[in-house]
Structures are given as structure tokens and as C-alpha cells.
Amino acid sequence: MMRDPADLGTGLADIHERAGAPSRREMERRARAARATLSSSAAQRIVSRRQVPSSPEQLVAFLRACDVPERDHAEWLQAWARVRRHRAAELNASRALLDLREAEAAEDPSGRVTAEQAAQLLSSAGYVPAERYRGYHVPWTVRCRLCTAVKRIRLSDQADGRTRQCTQCDNEAERTVQEVWTALFDRQQWKEKGMPPAEAEMFRRCRVAAVERRQSRLHITVSAPSEVFATAGLADTSAWESLIADAVREKLDTVSEVVYVTYTDRLN
């Protein structure tokens, strides 16, 4: 009934337990006594289910180290071969799916994303390469154009929209917006900007719920209690939005556009 490495690993761990859970050193000694080769490190990896035997010879050595009768070896070898075939079929199906995804994104007739196209896609995602391009699904060391942070990405994730903007950029943007929002609550600053103190007091009850940076565009989500939303006139947000945008751009000169979403506890 074994079909995948997890099944085989569970079965081998079970026979190890039935054999009295011999130590890896003891298993190495038993295999050597039976004229088989099984290192203590390999025995430990198999027992802990981190790997399955890499060859029929290693499987037989493990079986002998666990005192499995010779008459049962053939059935275990059949199970090992079945697991290998099933795994190979899965890998082939996975490669076919990856090839299809690359072909859908590729502009080249070969169905492959070329190094030139990869550079364009990477630039659109906000990164520059830190090493040569080796494949659409291969981990790639890149550098963020905004904060220069180095990270590992797969170009396929960026193209499919599964990977967000650089985390370091997001963190810096959120910290800056929170600082700006807090500073603008100062009565004198609101007065200088033309905001009445009473209205500024209402804004104290609002908060920045989320900040997401998408290269030069900043998305800010503001949360406001329902009654403040109605009283303070937050439906017309052009005045305070421009105040925050100007203050943010003073600190983050790479931000060219600020986009807002305002919601209330009742409408959320």
C-alpha cells in the first residue's frame, strides 16, 4: 500500500521501533556484520524520516540492521521501487506544470523567459539582479532598488503576483506614516495647516490601520469610528490626505503617489 516517500518512511521507522529502536551506531555495526553498508548518519536520517534509502543496497542494509527476515526483503524492495516510480511521475508532472507557467509568461517562441525579458520583469517588480539569471523558477539573488536590501526571490512568483513588495521597504514606509500621523496630531501643526483644533481632536480617534508600499506608490488604510466618520466629514478627505502625503514625501523622497482607503468599524 506504500506509494510515496512518507509512506515508506513511516514503515521503516515502524520496523526500527519493532526491532527495539537500536542506536545508529548499533545499526551500523549490525549492517557491517551482515556484510552491508549503512553509515550511522544515514541510519539516523532514515529513522527520523528525513530521507528514504537512496538505493536498494542501502534499503537492504537498513532491513538487516533492524533484524527484518530475509524472506521479507523482496516485498520491501518492491515497495521501494513503487515509491520511486510514483515520485518520478510526480516530479515529471510538476516540471510540466512549471514549463506551462513559463510558456504563458514567455515572449520568446521557445516558451522560455529569456535573460532580457527576466531583467525587464525584475525591474518592474522593483529589483535589480545581484547575480546572473539562471531560470524562471530558480531562486535569484536580487537587490531592492529603493532600500538596496538583498533577498532571494523566484521570478515566477513575482510575475504571478504571489510575492509582495520588499518587506524592508514596507516596514520603513509603515514606520514613517505612523510617525507622520502622530506628529500631525499636534494642535499647533494642525492650526498652521488650516485644520481647526476641534476637528484635529476628532482625528485623534482615527488610526493608520495598514501601510503597503508598491514601489513609488504608497497605499494607506485609515480606520475611523463610525461617529467620527460622520462628524468630522471624513467622506471628504482631500485636505488631510494632502497634509499626510506632503509630510510622507518629505521623509520618503522615492514616494511619488499616496493612495488612501478609509473605513469605519461599522462599514468594515
Protein backbone atom coordinates (compact mmCIF):
# COMPACT_ATOMS: atom_id res chain seq x y z
CA MET A 1 0.00 0.00 0.00
CA MET A 2 3.05 2.28 0.07
CA ARG A 3 3.03 4.90 -2.69
CA ASP A 4 5.10 7.89 -1.60
CA PRO A 5 8.22 8.65 0.49
CA ALA A 6 6.08 9.48 3.54
CA ASP A 7 4.52 6.01 3.47
CA LEU A 8 7.90 4.32 3.12
CA GLY A 9 9.48 6.47 5.81
CA THR A 10 6.69 5.61 8.26
CA GLY A 11 7.09 1.90 7.54
CA LEU A 12 10.84 1.95 8.04
CA ALA A 13 10.52 3.91 11.29
CA ASP A 14 7.99 1.30 12.44
CA ILE A 15 10.31 -1.67 11.85
CA HIS A 16 13.04 0.23 13.69
CA GLU A 17 10.75 0.51 16.70
CA ARG A 18 9.79 -3.17 16.48
CA ALA A 19 13.49 -4.05 16.49
CA GLY A 20 13.86 -2.36 19.86
CA ALA A 21 14.95 1.03 18.48
CA PRO A 22 18.67 0.20 18.20
CA SER A 23 21.05 3.15 18.21
CA ARG A 24 22.51 4.35 14.95
CA ARG A 25 25.94 3.03 15.99
CA GLU A 26 24.43 -0.38 16.70
CA MET A 27 22.68 -0.32 13.32
CA GLU A 28 25.95 0.47 11.60
CA ARG A 29 27.60 -2.46 13.42
CA ARG A 30 24.78 -4.87 12.55
CA ALA A 31 24.86 -3.90 8.88
CA ARG A 32 28.64 -4.38 8.77
CA ALA A 33 28.27 -7.80 10.41
CA ALA A 34 25.79 -8.73 7.65
CA ARG A 35 28.29 -7.55 5.03
CA ALA A 36 26.23 -4.47 4.15
CA THR A 37 27.00 -0.76 4.31
CA LEU A 38 24.91 1.63 6.40
CA SER A 39 26.52 4.69 7.96
CA SER A 40 25.29 5.87 11.34
CA SER A 41 24.31 9.25 9.86
CA ALA A 42 22.24 7.59 7.10
CA ALA A 43 20.56 5.36 9.68
CA GLN A 44 19.65 8.43 11.74
CA ARG A 45 18.18 10.28 8.74
CA ILE A 46 16.07 7.27 7.75
CA VAL A 47 14.84 6.62 11.31
CA SER A 48 13.93 10.30 11.75
CA ARG A 49 12.13 10.23 8.34
CA ARG A 50 14.32 12.93 6.83
CA GLN A 51 15.13 10.65 3.92
CA VAL A 52 14.36 7.22 2.49
CA PRO A 53 17.06 4.78 1.38
CA SER A 54 18.80 6.11 -1.72
CA SER A 55 19.44 2.67 -3.24
CA PRO A 56 18.27 -0.95 -2.96
CA GLU A 57 21.56 -1.78 -1.25
CA GLN A 58 21.02 0.85 1.43
CA LEU A 59 17.46 -0.39 1.99
CA VAL A 60 18.66 -3.98 2.48
CA ALA A 61 21.36 -2.77 4.88
CA PHE A 62 18.71 -0.94 6.92
CA LEU A 63 16.47 -4.01 6.96
CA ARG A 64 19.31 -6.20 8.18
CA ALA A 65 20.20 -3.67 10.85
CA CYS A 66 16.58 -3.93 12.08
CA ASP A 67 16.63 -7.77 12.01
CA VAL A 68 13.99 -7.99 9.26
CA PRO A 69 13.90 -11.63 7.99
CA GLU A 70 15.48 -12.21 4.59
CA ARG A 71 12.20 -13.62 3.24
CA ASP A 72 10.55 -10.19 3.67
CA HIS A 73 13.24 -8.21 1.82
CA ALA A 74 11.71 -8.73 -1.63
CA GLU A 75 8.43 -7.13 -0.60
CA TRP A 76 10.26 -4.13 0.85
CA LEU A 77 12.30 -3.78 -2.34
CA GLN A 78 9.08 -3.80 -4.38
CA ALA A 79 7.64 -1.07 -2.17
CA TRP A 80 10.84 1.00 -2.54
CA ALA A 81 10.69 0.67 -6.36
CA ARG A 82 6.98 1.62 -6.36
CA VAL A 83 7.68 4.74 -4.30
CA ARG A 84 10.48 5.76 -6.68
CA ARG A 85 8.21 5.38 -9.72
CA HIS A 86 5.43 7.37 -8.05
CA ARG A 87 7.85 10.13 -7.04
CA ALA A 88 9.31 10.29 -10.56
CA ALA A 89 5.80 10.64 -12.01
CA GLU A 90 5.02 13.47 -9.58
CA LEU A 91 8.24 15.29 -10.47
CA ASN A 92 7.53 14.97 -14.18
CA ALA A 93 4.02 16.36 -13.70
CA SER A 94 5.42 19.21 -11.61
CA ARG A 95 8.03 20.05 -14.25
CA ALA A 96 5.34 20.02 -16.94
CA LEU A 97 3.25 22.49 -14.93
CA LEU A 98 6.25 24.77 -14.37
CA ASP A 99 7.06 24.66 -18.07
CA LEU A 100 3.46 25.62 -18.87
CA ARG A 101 3.56 28.60 -16.49
CA GLU A 102 6.81 29.81 -18.00
CA ALA A 103 5.46 29.40 -21.53
CA GLU A 104 2.43 31.53 -20.60
CA ALA A 105 4.73 34.34 -19.42
CA ALA A 106 7.40 34.00 -22.10
CA GLU A 107 7.60 36.34 -25.07
CA ASP A 108 10.17 34.17 -26.86
CA PRO A 109 8.90 31.49 -29.31
CA SER A 110 10.92 28.90 -27.40
CA GLY A 111 8.48 29.18 -24.49
CA ARG A 112 11.29 30.23 -22.17
CA VAL A 113 11.73 33.54 -20.36
CA THR A 114 14.98 34.93 -21.73
CA ALA A 115 17.55 36.83 -19.67
CA GLU A 116 16.46 40.08 -21.36
CA GLN A 117 12.79 39.56 -20.51
CA ALA A 118 13.73 38.44 -16.99
CA ALA A 119 15.59 41.72 -16.46
CA GLN A 120 12.50 43.66 -17.54
CA LEU A 121 10.17 41.68 -15.26
CA LEU A 122 12.57 42.09 -12.36
CA SER A 123 12.80 45.83 -12.90
CA SER A 124 9.00 46.09 -12.97
CA ALA A 125 8.90 44.32 -9.61
CA GLY A 126 11.30 46.90 -8.16
CA TYR A 127 14.55 44.92 -8.08
CA VAL A 128 17.92 44.76 -9.80
CA PRO A 129 19.86 41.50 -10.21
CA ALA A 130 22.72 40.68 -7.84
CA GLU A 131 23.69 37.59 -9.83
CA ARG A 132 23.08 36.20 -13.31
CA TYR A 133 19.65 34.87 -14.27
CA ARG A 134 19.53 31.05 -14.23
CA GLY A 135 15.86 30.23 -14.74
CA TYR A 136 12.27 31.37 -14.35
CA HIS A 137 11.63 29.14 -11.33
CA VAL A 138 15.17 29.18 -9.91
CA PRO A 139 15.89 31.22 -6.74
CA TRP A 140 17.55 34.50 -7.77
CA THR A 141 19.59 36.86 -5.59
CA VAL A 142 18.36 40.41 -6.21
CA ARG A 143 18.59 43.86 -4.65
CA CYS A 144 15.72 46.23 -3.94
CA ARG A 145 16.07 49.43 -5.96
CA LEU A 146 14.61 51.56 -3.17
CA CYS A 147 16.27 50.33 0.04
CA THR A 148 19.10 48.21 -1.51
CA ALA A 149 18.15 45.20 0.66
CA VAL A 150 19.33 41.86 -0.75
CA LYS A 151 16.85 38.98 -0.92
CA ARG A 152 16.16 35.72 -2.74
CA ILE A 153 13.13 35.51 -4.98
CA ARG A 154 11.74 33.37 -7.78
CA LEU A 155 10.86 35.39 -10.85
CA SER A 156 7.82 33.17 -11.39
CA ASP A 157 6.41 34.28 -8.01
CA GLN A 158 6.83 37.94 -8.91
CA ALA A 159 5.25 37.50 -12.32
CA ASP A 160 2.33 35.55 -10.86
CA GLY A 161 1.74 38.26 -8.25
CA ARG A 162 2.31 35.97 -5.26
CA THR A 163 5.26 37.89 -3.79
CA ARG A 164 4.75 41.31 -2.26
CA GLN A 165 6.99 44.34 -2.42
CA CYS A 166 10.25 44.29 -0.47
CA THR A 167 9.46 43.70 3.23
CA GLN A 168 12.09 46.19 4.36
CA CYS A 169 10.51 48.89 2.22
CA ASP A 170 7.09 48.06 3.67
CA ASN A 171 8.40 48.31 7.24
CA GLU A 172 10.13 51.64 6.59
CA ALA A 173 7.03 53.07 4.93
CA GLU A 174 4.73 51.97 7.76
CA ARG A 175 7.07 53.39 10.41
CA THR A 176 7.27 56.72 8.55
CA VAL A 177 3.49 57.02 8.07
CA GLN A 178 2.83 56.24 11.74
CA GLU A 179 5.37 58.92 12.77
CA VAL A 180 3.81 61.46 10.41
CA TRP A 181 0.29 60.66 11.58
CA THR A 182 1.26 61.06 15.24
CA ALA A 183 3.15 64.32 14.61
CA LEU A 184 0.22 65.87 12.75
CA PHE A 185 -1.98 65.49 15.83
CA ASP A 186 -0.08 68.39 17.39
CA ARG A 187 -2.61 71.21 17.71
CA GLN A 188 -0.19 73.86 16.50
CA GLN A 189 0.66 71.92 13.35
CA TRP A 190 -2.99 71.34 12.51
CA LYS A 191 -3.67 75.05 13.06
CA GLU A 192 -0.78 76.03 10.80
CA LYS A 193 -2.13 73.71 8.12
CA GLY A 194 -5.60 75.22 8.38
CA MET A 195 -7.26 72.43 10.36
CA PRO A 196 -9.48 73.62 13.28
CA PRO A 197 -8.33 72.22 16.69
CA ALA A 198 -11.76 70.67 17.35
CA GLU A 199 -11.57 68.72 14.11
CA ALA A 200 -7.98 67.72 14.83
CA GLU A 201 -9.17 66.35 18.18
CA MET A 202 -11.61 64.09 16.34
CA PHE A 203 -8.80 62.79 14.15
CA ARG A 204 -7.01 61.59 17.27
CA ARG A 205 -9.58 58.81 17.44
CA CYS A 206 -8.64 57.59 13.96
CA ARG A 207 -5.62 55.42 13.27
CA VAL A 208 -3.50 54.14 10.43
CA ALA A 209 -4.57 50.52 10.08
CA ALA A 210 -2.22 49.41 7.30
CA VAL A 211 0.52 50.68 5.02
CA GLU A 212 1.67 48.92 1.87
CA ARG A 213 4.35 50.17 -0.45
CA ARG A 214 4.23 49.28 -4.13
CA GLN A 215 7.45 50.77 -5.46
CA SER A 216 6.83 54.54 -5.73
CA ARG A 217 3.15 54.24 -4.75
CA LEU A 218 2.08 54.13 -1.09
CA HIS A 219 -1.28 52.64 -0.03
CA ILE A 220 -2.52 53.85 3.37
CA THR A 221 -5.61 52.43 5.08
CA VAL A 222 -7.16 54.69 7.75
CA SER A 223 -9.59 53.33 10.35
CA ALA A 224 -12.15 55.69 11.88
CA PRO A 225 -15.01 55.08 14.37
CA SER A 226 -18.39 55.44 12.66
CA GLU A 227 -19.44 58.54 14.58
CA VAL A 228 -16.16 60.30 13.78
CA PHE A 229 -16.55 59.40 10.13
CA ALA A 230 -19.87 61.27 10.07
CA THR A 231 -18.98 64.16 12.40
CA ALA A 232 -15.55 65.03 11.08
CA GLY A 233 -16.57 64.80 7.47
CA LEU A 234 -14.07 62.11 6.63
CA ALA A 235 -16.02 61.36 3.49
CA ASP A 236 -14.28 64.44 2.05
CA THR A 237 -10.68 63.60 2.86
CA SER A 238 -8.79 65.76 0.36
CA ALA A 239 -7.49 68.22 2.99
CA TRP A 240 -5.96 65.81 5.48
CA GLU A 241 -4.84 63.39 2.76
CA SER A 242 -2.73 66.08 1.13
CA LEU A 243 -1.25 67.02 4.52
CA ILE A 244 -0.11 63.44 5.12
CA ALA A 245 1.09 62.98 1.54
CA ASP A 246 3.29 66.08 1.74
CA ALA A 247 4.73 65.04 5.11
CA VAL A 248 5.40 61.48 3.92
CA ARG A 249 7.15 62.66 0.76
CA GLU A 250 9.42 64.89 2.84
CA LYS A 251 10.71 61.76 4.59
CA LEU A 252 10.42 59.26 1.71
CA ASP A 253 11.56 61.08 -1.39
CA THR A 254 11.09 57.92 -3.51
CA VAL A 255 7.30 58.04 -2.99
CA SER A 256 5.52 59.79 -5.85
CA GLU A 257 1.89 58.90 -5.13
CA VAL A 258 -0.14 58.21 -1.97
CA VAL A 259 -3.42 56.26 -2.25
CA TYR A 260 -5.93 56.09 0.64
CA VAL A 261 -8.68 53.78 1.74
CA THR A 262 -10.83 54.91 4.67
CA TYR A 263 -13.15 52.55 6.52
CA THR A 264 -15.12 52.58 9.75
CA ASP A 265 -15.78 49.96 12.42
CA ARG A 266 -19.36 49.76 11.14
CA LEU A 267 -18.59 49.52 7.44
CA ASN A 268 -15.51 47.29 7.65
